[in-house]
C-alpha atoms as a PDB file:
ATOM      1  CA  UNK A   1       0.000   0.000   0.000  1.00  0.00           C
ATOM      2  CA  UNK A   2       1.399   3.362  -1.024  1.00  0.00           C
ATOM      3  CA  UNK A   3       1.230   6.149   1.529  1.00  0.00           C
ATOM      4  CA  UNK A   4       0.445   9.714   0.587  1.00  0.00           C
ATOM      5  CA  UNK A   5       3.224  12.232   0.974  1.00  0.00           C
ATOM      6  CA  UNK A   6       3.431  15.945   0.380  1.00  0.00           C
ATOM      7  CA  UNK A   7       5.166  17.157  -2.768  1.00  0.00           C
ATOM      8  CA  UNK A   8       8.906  17.762  -2.391  1.00  0.00           C
ATOM      9  CA  UNK A   9       8.474  21.515  -2.711  1.00  0.00           C
ATOM     10  CA  UNK A  10       5.870  21.677   0.094  1.00  0.00           C
ATOM     11  CA  UNK A  11       8.602  21.602   2.734  1.00  0.00           C
ATOM     12  CA  UNK A  12      10.518  24.345   0.968  1.00  0.00           C
ATOM     13  CA  UNK A  13       7.444  26.571   0.761  1.00  0.00           C
ATOM     14  CA  UNK A  14       6.708  26.057   4.454  1.00  0.00           C
ATOM     15  CA  UNK A  15      10.339  26.813   5.317  1.00  0.00           C
ATOM     16  CA  UNK A  16      10.217  30.034   3.314  1.00  0.00           C
ATOM     17  CA  UNK A  17       7.016  31.112   5.071  1.00  0.00           C
ATOM     18  CA  UNK A  18       8.620  30.475   8.437  1.00  0.00           C
ATOM     19  CA  UNK A  19      11.837  32.303   7.529  1.00  0.00           C
ATOM     20  CA  UNK A  20       9.759  35.272   6.421  1.00  0.00           C
ATOM     21  CA  UNK A  21       7.835  35.140   9.712  1.00  0.00           C
ATOM     22  CA  UNK A  22      11.111  35.067  11.662  1.00  0.00           C
ATOM     23  CA  UNK A  23      12.347  38.090   9.750  1.00  0.00           C
ATOM     24  CA  UNK A  24       9.113  39.980  10.318  1.00  0.00           C
ATOM     25  CA  UNK A  25       9.234  39.226  14.050  1.00  0.00           C
ATOM     26  CA  UNK A  26      12.933  39.798  14.711  1.00  0.00           C
ATOM     27  CA  UNK A  27      13.664  42.652  12.299  1.00  0.00           C
ATOM     28  CA  UNK A  28      10.316  44.380  11.835  1.00  0.00           C
ATOM     29  CA  UNK A  29       9.108  43.754  15.403  1.00  0.00           C
ATOM     30  CA  UNK A  30       5.836  42.117  14.361  1.00  0.00           C
ATOM     31  CA  UNK A  31       3.985  40.390  17.190  1.00  0.00           C
ATOM     32  CA  UNK A  32       3.182  36.687  17.267  1.00  0.00           C
ATOM     33  CA  UNK A  33      -0.520  37.541  17.171  1.00  0.00           C
ATOM     34  CA  UNK A  34      -0.169  39.466  13.911  1.00  0.00           C
ATOM     35  CA  UNK A  35       2.054  36.765  12.423  1.00  0.00           C
ATOM     36  CA  UNK A  36      -0.511  34.144  13.408  1.00  0.00           C
ATOM     37  CA  UNK A  37      -3.249  36.058  11.649  1.00  0.00           C
ATOM     38  CA  UNK A  38      -1.135  36.457   8.506  1.00  0.00           C
ATOM     39  CA  UNK A  39      -0.155  32.766   8.512  1.00  0.00           C
ATOM     40  CA  UNK A  40      -3.712  31.588   9.270  1.00  0.00           C
ATOM     41  CA  UNK A  41      -2.517  29.835  12.404  1.00  0.00           C
ATOM     42  CA  UNK A  42      -3.096  30.247  16.085  1.00  0.00           C
ATOM     43  CA  UNK A  43      -0.790  32.408  18.169  1.00  0.00           C
ATOM     44  CA  UNK A  44       0.178  29.274  20.111  1.00  0.00           C
ATOM     45  CA  UNK A  45       1.195  27.528  16.866  1.00  0.00           C
ATOM     46  CA  UNK A  46       3.434  30.448  15.912  1.00  0.00           C
ATOM     47  CA  UNK A  47       4.965  30.546  19.402  1.00  0.00           C
ATOM     48  CA  UNK A  48       5.595  26.810  19.104  1.00  0.00           C
ATOM     49  CA  UNK A  49       7.367  27.222  15.764  1.00  0.00           C
ATOM     50  CA  UNK A  50       9.702  29.808  17.253  1.00  0.00           C
ATOM     51  CA  UNK A  51      10.323  27.668  20.345  1.00  0.00           C
ATOM     52  CA  UNK A  52      11.222  24.622  18.251  1.00  0.00           C
ATOM     53  CA  UNK A  53      13.764  26.680  16.327  1.00  0.00           C
ATOM     54  CA  UNK A  54      15.267  28.124  19.513  1.00  0.00           C
ATOM     55  CA  UNK A  55      15.471  24.658  21.087  1.00  0.00           C
ATOM     56  CA  UNK A  56      17.203  23.249  17.993  1.00  0.00           C
ATOM     57  CA  UNK A  57      19.793  26.020  17.662  1.00  0.00           C
ATOM     58  CA  UNK A  58      23.356  24.820  17.621  1.00  0.00           C
ATOM     59  CA  UNK A  59      26.536  26.798  18.085  1.00  0.00           C
ATOM     60  CA  UNK A  60      28.242  28.054  14.958  1.00  0.00           C
ATOM     61  CA  UNK A  61      30.586  25.433  13.563  1.00  0.00           C
ATOM     62  CA  UNK A  62      32.305  27.740  11.094  1.00  0.00           C
ATOM     63  CA  UNK A  63      35.988  26.959  10.811  1.00  0.00           C
ATOM     64  CA  UNK A  64      37.025  30.229   9.182  1.00  0.00           C
ATOM     65  CA  UNK A  65      36.587  33.376  11.302  1.00  0.00           C
ATOM     66  CA  UNK A  66      35.573  35.374   8.217  1.00  0.00           C
ATOM     67  CA  UNK A  67      32.482  33.166   7.931  1.00  0.00           C
ATOM     68  CA  UNK A  68      31.250  34.342  11.333  1.00  0.00           C
ATOM     69  CA  UNK A  69      30.763  37.976  10.393  1.00  0.00           C
ATOM     70  CA  UNK A  70      26.979  37.879  10.097  1.00  0.00           C
ATOM     71  CA  UNK A  71      27.372  38.666   6.422  1.00  0.00           C
ATOM     72  CA  UNK A  72      24.207  36.993   5.182  1.00  0.00           C
ATOM     73  CA  UNK A  73      21.931  39.660   3.769  1.00  0.00           C
ATOM     74  CA  UNK A  74      18.369  40.049   5.065  1.00  0.00           C
ATOM     75  CA  UNK A  75      15.944  37.622   3.472  1.00  0.00           C
ATOM     76  CA  UNK A  76      18.790  35.579   1.962  1.00  0.00           C
ATOM     77  CA  UNK A  77      16.421  32.660   1.339  1.00  0.00           C
ATOM     78  CA  UNK A  78      14.443  34.460  -1.351  1.00  0.00           C
ATOM     79  CA  UNK A  79      15.170  33.363  -4.878  1.00  0.00           C
ATOM     80  CA  UNK A  80      14.555  36.800  -6.369  1.00  0.00           C
ATOM     81  CA  UNK A  81      15.425  40.157  -4.789  1.00  0.00           C
END
């Protein structure tokens, strides 16, 4: 029996939505309540997403010091500027 699975790009789209939400919260100062409304989710669901990311954070494992300069531009995950 074959099980249903989401298309390969579904994970990417969800990741991009979450990265955008992180940017809007951390850079633009948008509240979890507003993000929840925009994402069509509950505030608790948005808080949970942020908590899971914080809990999974790992220390930087960059070997070269020049890679630790915070040089990634805002919204680096977007394909088009």
